[in-house]
Amino acid sequence: MLYHLFRSVRSEADLDALFQLTFTEHERRLIIERWKIFDALDRGMSQREVAKSVPCSIATVTRGAKNFRENKPAIKALLSAWRQTS
């Protein structure tokens, strides 16, 4: 169901509109924060360095690091697309 919804998006503006309809501003910021954490961890930064550079709490980085470790191949495959937009 969600797959078809997201596949229907044809432009960045449409994706932004879909995200605005689906997520609160806070939730959208959290998604961006999570990908910044993944990017920093992949670049070899320590959790304390990540917390300072993102900026966010150590607890937030720890949760992101756990997710990163558990899903590293999938996240690394998507990081190149993330880095093109950053």
Protein backbone atom coordinates (compact mmCIF):
# COMPACT_ATOMS: atom_id res chain seq x y z
CA MET A 1 0.00 0.00 0.00
CA LEU A 2 2.65 2.57 1.03
CA TYR A 3 4.91 1.36 -1.75
CA HIS A 4 2.32 2.38 -4.35
CA LEU A 5 1.71 5.70 -2.64
CA PHE A 6 5.40 6.60 -2.66
CA ARG A 7 5.85 5.30 -6.22
CA SER A 8 3.14 7.67 -7.38
CA VAL A 9 5.38 10.65 -6.52
CA ARG A 10 6.85 12.16 -9.67
CA SER A 11 8.88 15.10 -8.36
CA GLU A 12 10.68 16.42 -5.32
CA ALA A 13 7.89 18.95 -4.84
CA ASP A 14 5.31 16.15 -4.84
CA LEU A 15 7.37 14.20 -2.30
CA ASP A 16 7.61 17.29 -0.09
CA ALA A 17 3.83 17.70 -0.33
CA LEU A 18 3.29 14.03 0.55
CA PHE A 19 5.61 14.34 3.54
CA GLN A 20 3.85 17.50 4.72
CA LEU A 21 0.52 15.69 4.55
CA THR A 22 1.86 12.56 6.26
CA PHE A 23 4.33 13.79 8.88
CA THR A 24 4.39 16.67 11.33
CA GLU A 25 7.21 19.22 11.01
CA HIS A 26 8.86 17.61 14.03
CA GLU A 27 8.69 14.14 12.46
CA ARG A 28 10.21 15.45 9.23
CA ARG A 29 13.08 17.02 11.21
CA LEU A 30 13.64 13.69 12.99
CA ILE A 31 13.93 11.87 9.65
CA ILE A 32 16.56 14.35 8.49
CA GLU A 33 18.35 14.11 11.84
CA ARG A 34 18.46 10.30 11.60
CA TRP A 35 20.08 10.42 8.15
CA LYS A 36 22.62 13.00 9.34
CA ILE A 37 23.49 10.57 12.14
CA PHE A 38 23.86 7.67 9.68
CA ASP A 39 26.07 9.80 7.44
CA ALA A 40 28.33 10.90 10.31
CA LEU A 41 28.64 7.36 11.67
CA ASP A 42 29.49 6.04 8.22
CA ARG A 43 32.24 8.68 7.98
CA GLY A 44 33.76 7.21 11.15
CA MET A 45 32.77 9.83 13.69
CA SER A 46 32.39 8.81 17.34
CA GLN A 47 28.97 9.06 18.94
CA ARG A 48 30.05 12.11 20.93
CA GLU A 49 31.32 13.80 17.76
CA VAL A 50 28.04 13.00 16.01
CA ALA A 51 26.00 14.45 18.89
CA LYS A 52 27.94 17.71 18.64
CA SER A 53 27.86 17.98 14.85
CA VAL A 54 24.21 17.06 14.20
CA PRO A 55 23.38 18.46 17.01
CA CYS A 56 21.37 16.04 19.13
CA SER A 57 21.58 14.09 22.36
CA ILE A 58 23.89 11.13 22.93
CA ALA A 59 20.78 8.98 23.48
CA THR A 60 19.49 9.93 20.02
CA VAL A 61 22.84 9.05 18.48
CA THR A 62 22.94 5.75 20.38
CA ARG A 63 19.53 4.77 18.97
CA GLY A 64 20.66 5.78 15.49
CA ALA A 65 23.93 3.86 15.89
CA LYS A 66 22.03 0.71 16.88
CA ASN A 67 19.84 1.04 13.80
CA PHE A 68 22.94 1.73 11.67
CA ARG A 69 24.72 -1.41 12.95
CA GLU A 70 21.65 -3.59 12.42
CA ASN A 71 20.96 -2.30 8.90
CA LYS A 72 24.38 -1.18 7.68
CA PRO A 73 24.28 -2.62 4.12
CA ALA A 74 20.86 -1.12 3.36
CA ILE A 75 21.72 2.25 4.89
CA LYS A 76 25.08 2.42 3.11
CA ALA A 77 23.32 1.68 -0.19
CA LEU A 78 21.10 4.75 0.33
CA LEU A 79 23.75 7.10 1.72
CA SER A 80 25.08 7.98 -1.74
CA ALA A 81 21.66 9.41 -2.64
CA TRP A 82 21.56 11.25 0.70
CA ARG A 83 25.00 12.74 0.10
CA GLN A 84 24.00 14.03 -3.33
CA THR A 85 21.35 16.21 -1.70
CA SER A 86 23.33 17.39 1.33
